[in-house]
Amino acid sequence: MVLFSLVATHADIDLETVAQLSNGSSELASAALTDSPVVSGAVVLATCNRYEIYGETGNGDDIEAARSALVSQISELSGLNEQLVSRSFATHTGPDVTRHLFAVSAGLDSAVVGEREIAGQVRRALITAQQEGTASSGLVRLFQAASKTAKDVGAQTALGSRGLSIVSVALDLATDLAENDDWSTKNVVVFGTGAYAGATMSLLRERGCTAISVYSSSGRAEAFVATRGGTALDAETLPAAVAAADVMIGCSGSDNRVEAADLTRVRAQSNKPLIAIDLALTHDFDPAVGELDGVELLTLESVRLAAPQEQAESLSQASAIVTGAASSFESEREARSVDSAIVALRRHTMNVLDAEMEKVRARHGCTAAAEEVEFALRRMVKQLLHIPTVRARELAANGQQEEYVAALEALYGIQVEQPAAAPAAECPVDHGQLRSESA
């Protein structure tokens, strides 16, 4: 089995295009397995600044067909033409898939280098795929190893101690822009109840902010504040809260964005400045909001440009951990890939031995002589299998396991069966909330 990935990130394309590509992302993995026979597994990672699809196919020759099928499905779900979709995605195969995902999970490929939120998003992407039955065994191992690598980077480098995130950098920017940097005096309105909204609430509390109101177009604000504190807003109470706000933070990515004209009308009687922080990939706030008098608009692009550069030593340490983990994973994967071939060869050989022993017993009965013959034959078979087993491991280490499998088929007619996909997880997850209101 061969892993591949399609990657569209802030590093290569603008965030607007990333947002458009990810429309319908919650349906993509299931559609890929249903519509494309060459795709045996799929996990979708959609965040505020990346849209990545990880897949598994039977062999390398199927990757182009799998990519074409995914591009076609993304085009249909997003409404973008296939040429644009195809240009937007880079394709990774082989060890590059592992290195990239491990770096992503560790926060090394983020707009804010070292951010910790991405590790949770990688973990949730796997849980969702397992729940939907689209995660193959190879992808399960890949994502679990990526999560472990992220933990190692967090525990062993200064990146973990910094605790940086997109939200924290955005709040630092807002602090610098505000006339008063005391968060305990500010009224804040948060839009959304997903993962980013939760992180935002925690960081606001750490900075001393207590006057926090939460609005969700899906009606989840009451449940959200019940466990996190704050005041739940609805459509009737939202205008007054926005009128009194010093800061409003968009984390929902819903279709109901705050328009510039509506904000002007609601705040017509307010003379205090407003900082609008839009952390939603699809924009919670009309970009024209930033042109209004007295309003400062911060976006994901603002955060990306303002993100501090990590110390070279910390980055070097983190990169070394990622490189080592990726190398170990690939070595283990290559060794595992010939396990089925070794088992198949042993089974074939032992079946031949058992058939011959049946003939011996049929002719001579279960005598001492027959037992001695069986013992000698089994010892001989064990010795004969030693070198082929060692060679299988050596070839796998050199990435030549497919040649070994082909040789078994050519010499003995042995068909090597691939291991079954991993079962779906039992953990219940609210997929709608994760997708619709997590950046």
Protein backbone atom coordinates (compact mmCIF):
# COMPACT_ATOMS: atom_id res chain seq x y z
CA MET A 1 0.00 0.00 0.00
CA VAL A 2 1.22 3.51 -0.87
CA LEU A 3 0.54 6.80 0.95
CA PHE A 4 0.10 10.14 -0.81
CA SER A 5 -1.21 13.60 0.06
CA LEU A 6 -2.66 16.66 -1.67
CA VAL A 7 -1.56 19.85 0.08
CA ALA A 8 -2.83 23.43 -0.26
CA THR A 9 -1.49 25.86 2.37
CA HIS A 10 -0.92 29.52 3.19
CA ALA A 11 2.69 29.09 2.08
CA ASP A 12 1.71 28.56 -1.57
CA ILE A 13 -1.72 30.12 -2.17
CA ASP A 14 -3.80 32.91 -0.67
CA LEU A 15 -6.11 32.17 2.24
CA GLU A 16 -9.23 33.04 0.22
CA THR A 17 -8.45 30.21 -2.18
CA VAL A 18 -7.77 27.83 0.71
CA ALA A 19 -11.18 28.71 2.12
CA GLN A 20 -12.94 28.16 -1.20
CA LEU A 21 -11.19 24.84 -1.78
CA SER A 22 -12.27 23.55 1.62
CA ASN A 23 -15.98 24.08 0.99
CA GLY A 24 -17.58 20.67 1.36
CA SER A 25 -14.47 19.17 2.95
CA SER A 26 -16.55 17.18 5.45
CA GLU A 27 -17.97 15.12 2.56
CA LEU A 28 -14.74 14.55 0.64
CA ALA A 29 -13.26 11.46 2.33
CA SER A 30 -16.44 9.39 2.08
CA ALA A 31 -16.97 10.50 -1.53
CA ALA A 32 -13.40 9.53 -2.41
CA LEU A 33 -13.81 5.96 -1.16
CA THR A 34 -17.23 5.61 -2.74
CA ASP A 35 -16.41 7.02 -6.16
CA SER A 36 -12.78 6.00 -6.69
CA PRO A 37 -11.84 2.31 -6.51
CA VAL A 38 -8.12 3.12 -6.30
CA VAL A 39 -8.50 5.08 -3.04
CA SER A 40 -8.48 2.68 -0.09
CA GLY A 41 -8.28 5.29 2.67
CA ALA A 42 -8.61 9.05 3.15
CA VAL A 43 -8.17 11.58 5.98
CA VAL A 44 -8.98 15.27 5.48
CA LEU A 45 -7.16 18.00 7.43
CA ALA A 46 -8.91 21.36 7.03
CA THR A 47 -7.77 24.28 9.23
CA CYS A 48 -7.69 28.05 9.06
CA ASN A 49 -4.70 28.10 6.72
CA ARG A 50 -4.47 24.67 5.09
CA TYR A 51 -6.51 22.06 3.27
CA GLU A 52 -4.81 18.68 3.01
CA ILE A 53 -6.03 15.26 1.94
CA TYR A 54 -4.07 12.17 2.95
CA GLY A 55 -4.82 8.99 1.00
CA GLU A 56 -3.72 5.41 0.52
CA THR A 57 -3.72 3.38 -2.70
CA GLY A 58 -2.81 -0.18 -3.66
CA ASN A 59 0.40 0.81 -5.48
CA GLY A 60 2.29 3.77 -6.87
CA ASP A 61 0.73 3.42 -10.31
CA ASP A 62 -2.66 4.38 -8.83
CA ILE A 63 -1.60 7.72 -7.35
CA GLU A 64 -2.28 9.81 -10.44
CA ALA A 65 -5.74 8.28 -10.84
CA ALA A 66 -6.45 8.90 -7.16
CA ARG A 67 -5.30 12.50 -7.45
CA SER A 68 -7.48 13.10 -10.51
CA ALA A 69 -10.50 11.65 -8.72
CA LEU A 70 -9.92 13.85 -5.66
CA VAL A 71 -9.41 16.98 -7.76
CA SER A 72 -12.68 16.27 -9.56
CA GLN A 73 -14.54 15.77 -6.28
CA ILE A 74 -13.05 18.92 -4.71
CA SER A 75 -14.06 20.87 -7.80
CA GLU A 76 -17.62 19.59 -7.54
CA LEU A 77 -17.91 20.27 -3.80
CA SER A 78 -16.26 23.71 -3.88
CA GLY A 79 -17.65 25.00 -7.17
CA LEU A 80 -14.14 25.84 -8.45
CA ASN A 81 -12.99 24.66 -11.87
CA GLU A 82 -10.75 21.61 -11.98
CA GLN A 83 -7.78 23.45 -13.48
CA LEU A 84 -7.66 25.88 -10.55
CA VAL A 85 -8.11 23.06 -8.04
CA SER A 86 -5.33 21.02 -9.62
CA ARG A 87 -2.92 23.98 -9.63
CA SER A 88 -3.65 24.73 -5.99
CA PHE A 89 -2.55 21.35 -4.63
CA ALA A 90 0.98 20.05 -4.34
CA THR A 91 1.23 16.25 -4.37
CA HIS A 92 3.44 14.41 -1.89
CA THR A 93 4.30 10.72 -2.10
CA GLY A 94 6.42 8.25 -0.18
CA PRO A 95 8.54 9.59 2.70
CA ASP A 96 7.60 13.19 1.81
CA VAL A 97 4.07 12.48 3.07
CA THR A 98 5.40 11.46 6.47
CA ARG A 99 7.86 14.33 6.81
CA HIS A 100 5.24 16.91 5.86
CA LEU A 101 2.52 15.68 8.22
CA PHE A 102 4.95 15.33 11.13
CA ALA A 103 6.17 18.90 10.55
CA VAL A 104 2.58 20.16 10.30
CA SER A 105 1.51 18.41 13.50
CA ALA A 106 4.53 19.82 15.36
CA GLY A 107 3.63 23.35 14.26
CA LEU A 108 6.70 23.83 12.06
CA ASP A 109 4.63 24.53 8.95
CA SER A 110 2.18 26.94 10.60
CA ALA A 111 1.70 30.65 10.02
CA VAL A 112 2.70 30.98 13.68
CA VAL A 113 5.66 28.60 13.94
CA GLY A 114 5.37 26.31 16.94
CA GLU A 115 1.64 26.84 17.48
CA ARG A 116 0.06 24.07 19.53
CA GLU A 117 -3.52 24.16 18.17
CA ILE A 118 -2.61 22.30 14.99
CA ALA A 119 -1.73 19.13 16.94
CA GLY A 120 -5.31 18.91 18.17
CA GLN A 121 -6.64 19.50 14.67
CA VAL A 122 -4.51 16.66 13.31
CA ARG A 123 -5.80 14.40 16.06
CA ARG A 124 -9.44 15.33 15.38
CA ALA A 125 -8.97 14.76 11.64
CA LEU A 126 -8.05 11.14 12.33
CA ILE A 127 -10.93 10.64 14.79
CA THR A 128 -13.38 11.97 12.21
CA ALA A 129 -12.01 9.65 9.51
CA GLN A 130 -12.21 6.67 11.85
CA GLN A 131 -15.79 7.51 12.76
CA GLU A 132 -16.71 7.75 9.08
CA GLY A 133 -14.83 4.56 8.22
CA THR A 134 -12.43 6.21 5.76
CA ALA A 135 -9.16 5.78 7.71
CA SER A 136 -7.10 2.86 6.40
CA SER A 137 -4.68 1.08 8.73
CA GLY A 138 -1.71 2.83 7.11
CA LEU A 139 -3.26 6.27 7.64
CA VAL A 140 -4.15 5.47 11.24
CA ARG A 141 -0.52 4.60 11.99
CA LEU A 142 0.69 7.72 10.13
CA PHE A 143 -1.55 10.13 12.05
CA GLN A 144 -0.93 8.47 15.41
CA ALA A 145 2.82 8.75 14.84
CA ALA A 146 2.40 12.41 13.83
CA SER A 147 0.57 13.15 17.09
CA LYS A 148 3.29 11.44 19.12
CA THR A 149 5.94 13.49 17.30
CA ALA A 150 4.06 16.70 18.11
CA LYS A 151 4.05 15.75 21.80
CA ASP A 152 7.79 15.08 21.69
CA VAL A 153 8.48 18.46 20.09
CA GLY A 154 6.31 20.18 22.70
CA ALA A 155 8.02 18.40 25.58
CA GLN A 156 11.61 18.57 24.39
CA THR A 157 11.95 22.05 22.83
CA ALA A 158 11.27 25.66 23.70
CA LEU A 159 8.52 25.72 21.08
CA GLY A 160 6.24 23.94 23.53
CA SER A 161 7.00 26.29 26.41
CA ARG A 162 6.24 29.39 24.35
CA GLY A 163 2.60 28.36 24.01
CA LEU A 164 2.22 30.41 20.85
CA SER A 165 -0.93 30.16 18.80
CA ILE A 166 -2.76 32.12 16.14
CA VAL A 167 -5.12 33.36 18.85
CA SER A 168 -2.33 34.49 21.19
CA VAL A 169 -0.54 36.41 18.44
CA ALA A 170 -3.83 38.04 17.42
CA LEU A 171 -4.50 39.14 21.01
CA ASP A 172 -0.95 40.51 21.27
CA LEU A 173 -1.59 42.57 18.15
CA ALA A 174 -4.86 43.85 19.58
CA THR A 175 -3.08 44.83 22.80
CA ASP A 176 -0.53 46.85 20.83
CA LEU A 177 -3.27 48.63 18.87
CA ALA A 178 -5.49 49.47 21.84
CA GLU A 179 -5.31 52.80 23.65
CA ASN A 180 -5.71 50.88 26.90
CA ASP A 181 -3.83 47.57 27.18
CA ASP A 182 -5.76 46.43 30.27
CA TRP A 183 -7.99 43.53 29.15
CA SER A 184 -9.88 43.54 32.46
CA THR A 185 -11.60 46.76 31.34
CA LYS A 186 -12.68 45.52 27.89
CA ASN A 187 -16.01 44.23 26.62
CA VAL A 188 -15.40 41.39 24.15
CA VAL A 189 -17.85 39.65 21.81
CA VAL A 190 -16.77 36.24 20.48
CA PHE A 191 -18.45 34.77 17.40
CA GLY A 192 -18.40 30.95 17.33
CA THR A 193 -18.34 28.00 19.71
CA GLY A 194 -15.72 25.74 18.13
CA ALA A 195 -12.11 24.92 18.99
CA TYR A 196 -10.76 28.41 18.26
CA ALA A 197 -13.53 30.03 20.27
CA GLY A 198 -12.62 27.81 23.22
CA ALA A 199 -8.93 28.71 22.90
CA THR A 200 -9.87 32.38 22.62
CA MET A 201 -11.94 32.24 25.81
CA SER A 202 -9.08 30.63 27.72
CA LEU A 203 -6.53 33.21 26.58
CA LEU A 204 -8.88 36.10 27.29
CA ARG A 205 -9.35 34.79 30.83
CA GLU A 206 -5.57 34.52 31.27
CA ARG A 207 -5.28 38.20 30.31
CA GLY A 208 -7.84 39.22 32.91
CA CYS A 209 -10.83 39.72 30.64
CA THR A 210 -14.15 38.90 32.32
CA ALA A 211 -16.76 40.73 30.23
CA ILE A 212 -17.03 38.16 27.44
CA SER A 213 -20.18 37.54 25.41
CA VAL A 214 -20.58 34.69 22.92
CA TYR A 215 -22.77 34.48 19.84
CA SER A 216 -23.40 31.43 17.67
CA SER A 217 -25.65 31.48 14.62
CA SER A 218 -26.27 27.78 15.23
CA GLY A 219 -27.65 28.40 18.71
CA ARG A 220 -24.87 26.69 20.68
CA ALA A 221 -23.85 29.72 22.74
CA GLU A 222 -25.81 28.67 25.86
CA ALA A 223 -24.14 25.26 26.05
CA PHE A 224 -20.74 26.79 25.28
CA VAL A 225 -20.79 29.39 28.08
CA ALA A 226 -22.23 26.86 30.54
CA THR A 227 -18.82 25.19 30.74
CA ARG A 228 -16.55 28.13 29.93
CA GLY A 229 -18.25 31.14 31.47
CA GLY A 230 -19.36 34.31 29.71
CA THR A 231 -22.75 35.54 28.52
CA ALA A 232 -24.67 33.83 25.73
CA LEU A 233 -26.08 36.08 23.02
CA ASP A 234 -28.88 35.55 20.53
CA ALA A 235 -30.02 37.51 17.49
CA GLU A 236 -31.91 39.99 19.69
CA THR A 237 -29.16 40.72 22.21
CA LEU A 238 -26.24 40.68 19.75
CA PRO A 239 -26.61 44.27 18.40
CA ALA A 240 -26.42 45.85 21.85
CA ALA A 241 -23.39 43.76 22.78
CA VAL A 242 -21.58 44.75 19.57
CA ALA A 243 -22.45 48.40 20.17
CA ALA A 244 -20.79 48.26 23.59
CA ALA A 245 -17.81 46.14 22.53
CA ASP A 246 -14.16 47.16 22.61
CA VAL A 247 -13.12 43.99 20.78
CA MET A 248 -15.03 41.48 18.68
CA ILE A 249 -13.43 38.21 17.63
CA GLY A 250 -14.67 36.02 14.78
CA CYS A 251 -14.02 32.28 15.17
CA SER A 252 -17.09 30.69 13.58
CA GLY A 253 -16.63 30.68 9.80
CA SER A 254 -20.42 30.62 9.40
CA ASP A 255 -22.33 32.04 6.45
CA ASN A 256 -23.74 34.91 8.57
CA ARG A 257 -20.95 37.46 8.55
CA VAL A 258 -21.07 40.94 10.06
CA GLU A 259 -21.45 43.44 7.20
CA ALA A 260 -19.86 46.89 7.31
CA ALA A 261 -23.22 48.62 6.84
CA ASP A 262 -24.76 46.70 9.75
CA LEU A 263 -21.81 47.48 12.02
CA THR A 264 -22.06 51.19 11.16
CA ARG A 265 -25.76 51.22 12.02
CA VAL A 266 -25.35 49.27 15.29
CA ARG A 267 -22.49 51.46 16.52
CA ALA A 268 -23.89 54.77 15.35
CA GLN A 269 -24.16 56.04 18.94
CA SER A 270 -20.79 54.69 20.08
CA ASN A 271 -17.70 56.87 20.01
CA LYS A 272 -15.16 54.40 21.37
CA PRO A 273 -12.75 52.53 19.06
CA LEU A 274 -13.34 48.92 18.07
CA ILE A 275 -10.81 46.21 17.26
CA ALA A 276 -12.23 43.43 15.06
CA ILE A 277 -10.19 40.21 14.98
CA ASP A 278 -11.28 37.87 12.18
CA LEU A 279 -9.80 34.41 12.73
CA ALA A 280 -12.30 32.64 10.47
CA LEU A 281 -10.94 31.38 7.18
CA THR A 282 -14.19 32.26 5.40
CA HIS A 283 -14.48 35.64 7.18
CA ASP A 284 -16.89 36.39 9.99
CA PHE A 285 -16.50 40.09 9.26
CA ASP A 286 -16.91 41.92 5.96
CA PRO A 287 -13.39 43.05 4.88
CA ALA A 288 -14.89 46.54 4.39
CA VAL A 289 -15.20 46.71 8.20
CA GLY A 290 -11.54 47.68 8.27
CA GLU A 291 -12.29 50.84 6.30
CA LEU A 292 -14.76 52.21 8.86
CA ASP A 293 -13.74 55.11 11.09
CA GLY A 294 -12.67 53.97 14.51
CA VAL A 295 -12.38 50.31 13.53
CA GLU A 296 -9.14 48.31 13.28
CA LEU A 297 -9.46 44.96 11.47
CA LEU A 298 -6.99 42.15 12.15
CA THR A 299 -7.07 39.07 9.92
CA LEU A 300 -5.21 35.78 9.61
CA GLU A 301 -2.86 37.51 7.19
CA SER A 302 -2.15 40.16 9.83
CA VAL A 303 -1.33 37.40 12.30
CA ARG A 304 0.92 35.62 9.82
CA LEU A 305 2.93 38.77 9.17
CA ALA A 306 3.20 39.63 12.85
CA ALA A 307 4.13 36.17 14.09
CA PRO A 308 7.49 36.22 15.88
CA GLN A 309 10.38 34.28 14.44
CA GLU A 310 11.39 31.40 16.68
CA GLN A 311 14.96 31.05 17.87
CA ALA A 312 17.14 29.13 15.46
CA GLU A 313 18.16 26.66 18.18
CA SER A 314 14.56 25.73 19.02
CA LEU A 315 13.66 25.29 15.38
CA SER A 316 16.75 23.18 14.79
CA GLN A 317 15.91 20.92 17.72
CA ALA A 318 12.30 20.56 16.62
CA SER A 319 13.29 19.85 13.03
CA ALA A 320 15.74 17.17 14.19
CA ILE A 321 12.99 15.47 16.21
CA VAL A 322 10.62 15.56 13.23
CA THR A 323 13.27 14.24 10.84
CA GLY A 324 14.24 11.42 13.16
CA ALA A 325 10.64 10.43 13.84
CA ALA A 326 9.79 10.46 10.14
CA SER A 327 12.82 8.33 9.31
CA SER A 328 11.95 5.80 12.03
CA PHE A 329 8.34 5.64 10.88
CA GLU A 330 9.35 4.99 7.29
CA SER A 331 11.80 2.27 8.32
CA GLU A 332 9.15 0.54 10.41
CA ARG A 333 6.60 0.91 7.64
CA GLU A 334 8.91 -0.60 5.05
CA ALA A 335 9.72 -3.51 7.34
CA ARG A 336 6.03 -4.04 8.06
CA SER A 337 5.20 -4.00 4.37
CA VAL A 338 7.00 -7.33 3.87
CA ASP A 339 5.49 -8.99 6.92
CA SER A 340 2.55 -10.23 4.87
CA ALA A 341 4.93 -11.55 2.22
CA ILE A 342 7.02 -13.42 4.82
CA VAL A 343 3.89 -14.91 6.38
CA ALA A 344 2.63 -15.94 2.93
CA LEU A 345 5.93 -17.66 2.08
CA ARG A 346 6.01 -19.52 5.40
CA ARG A 347 2.40 -20.59 5.03
CA HIS A 348 3.05 -21.85 1.50
CA THR A 349 6.13 -23.77 2.57
CA MET A 350 4.50 -25.32 5.63
CA ASN A 351 1.47 -26.34 3.57
CA VAL A 352 3.81 -28.23 1.22
CA LEU A 353 5.53 -29.88 4.18
CA ASP A 354 2.21 -30.86 5.79
CA ALA A 355 1.00 -32.39 2.50
CA GLU A 356 4.17 -34.48 2.21
CA MET A 357 3.92 -35.64 5.82
CA GLU A 358 0.35 -36.80 5.21
CA LYS A 359 1.71 -39.02 2.45
CA VAL A 360 4.39 -40.42 4.81
CA ARG A 361 1.81 -41.18 7.51
CA ALA A 362 -0.56 -42.75 4.99
CA ARG A 363 2.21 -45.14 3.92
CA HIS A 364 4.02 -45.87 7.19
CA GLY A 365 1.57 -44.82 9.92
CA CYS A 366 2.39 -42.71 12.98
CA THR A 367 5.65 -44.48 13.75
CA ALA A 368 8.79 -43.24 15.39
CA ALA A 369 10.43 -43.17 11.98
CA ALA A 370 7.69 -40.88 10.63
CA GLU A 371 8.16 -38.52 13.59
CA GLU A 372 11.90 -38.37 12.94
CA VAL A 373 11.25 -37.55 9.28
CA GLU A 374 8.84 -34.77 10.24
CA PHE A 375 11.28 -33.30 12.75
CA ALA A 376 14.09 -33.31 10.17
CA LEU A 377 11.90 -31.74 7.48
CA ARG A 378 10.65 -28.96 9.75
CA ARG A 379 14.21 -28.12 10.81
CA MET A 380 15.27 -28.06 7.15
CA VAL A 381 12.34 -25.80 6.19
CA LYS A 382 13.21 -23.41 9.01
CA GLN A 383 16.78 -23.18 7.73
CA LEU A 384 15.61 -22.70 4.16
CA LEU A 385 13.30 -19.83 5.18
CA HIS A 386 15.99 -17.98 7.12
CA ILE A 387 17.77 -16.38 4.17
CA PRO A 388 14.54 -15.35 2.31
CA THR A 389 13.30 -13.72 5.54
CA VAL A 390 16.53 -11.79 6.05
CA ARG A 391 16.53 -10.71 2.40
CA ALA A 392 12.94 -9.51 2.76
CA ARG A 393 13.95 -7.18 5.60
CA GLU A 394 16.98 -5.92 3.67
CA LEU A 395 14.94 -5.19 0.55
CA ALA A 396 12.27 -3.42 2.60
CA ALA A 397 14.92 -1.21 4.20
CA ASN A 398 16.00 -0.20 0.67
CA GLY A 399 12.44 0.42 -0.48
CA GLN A 400 12.46 -2.68 -2.72
CA GLN A 401 9.71 -4.64 -0.97
CA GLU A 402 7.55 -4.69 -4.10
CA GLU A 403 10.30 -6.58 -5.93
CA TYR A 404 10.24 -9.23 -3.20
CA VAL A 405 6.46 -9.60 -3.46
CA ALA A 406 6.70 -9.84 -7.26
CA ALA A 407 9.39 -12.53 -6.94
CA LEU A 408 7.19 -14.65 -4.68
CA GLU A 409 4.37 -14.45 -7.18
CA ALA A 410 6.65 -15.26 -10.12
CA LEU A 411 8.47 -18.18 -8.43
CA TYR A 412 5.74 -19.76 -6.33
CA GLY A 413 2.47 -18.20 -7.49
CA ILE A 414 1.97 -16.76 -3.99
CA GLN A 415 -0.56 -13.92 -3.79
CA VAL A 416 0.30 -11.63 -0.86
CA GLU A 417 -2.78 -10.28 0.92
CA GLN A 418 -2.67 -6.74 2.32
CA PRO A 419 -3.67 -6.24 5.97
CA ALA A 420 -7.26 -5.15 6.62
CA ALA A 421 -8.09 -1.53 7.36
CA ALA A 422 -8.22 -0.42 10.96
CA PRO A 423 -11.67 -0.43 12.57
CA ALA A 424 -13.49 2.82 13.20
CA ALA A 425 -13.09 4.45 16.58
CA GLU A 426 -15.93 4.33 19.07
CA CYS A 427 -15.37 7.83 20.45
CA PRO A 428 -18.39 10.06 19.72
CA VAL A 429 -17.51 13.32 17.97
CA ASP A 430 -19.70 16.25 16.96
CA HIS A 431 -18.38 16.54 13.40
CA GLY A 432 -20.66 19.39 12.50
CA GLN A 433 -19.28 21.53 15.27
CA LEU A 434 -15.66 20.66 14.48
CA ARG A 435 -16.05 21.56 10.85
CA SER A 436 -18.46 24.47 10.87
CA GLU A 437 -17.09 26.42 13.80
CA SER A 438 -13.44 25.41 14.09
CA ALA A 439 -11.02 27.45 12.05
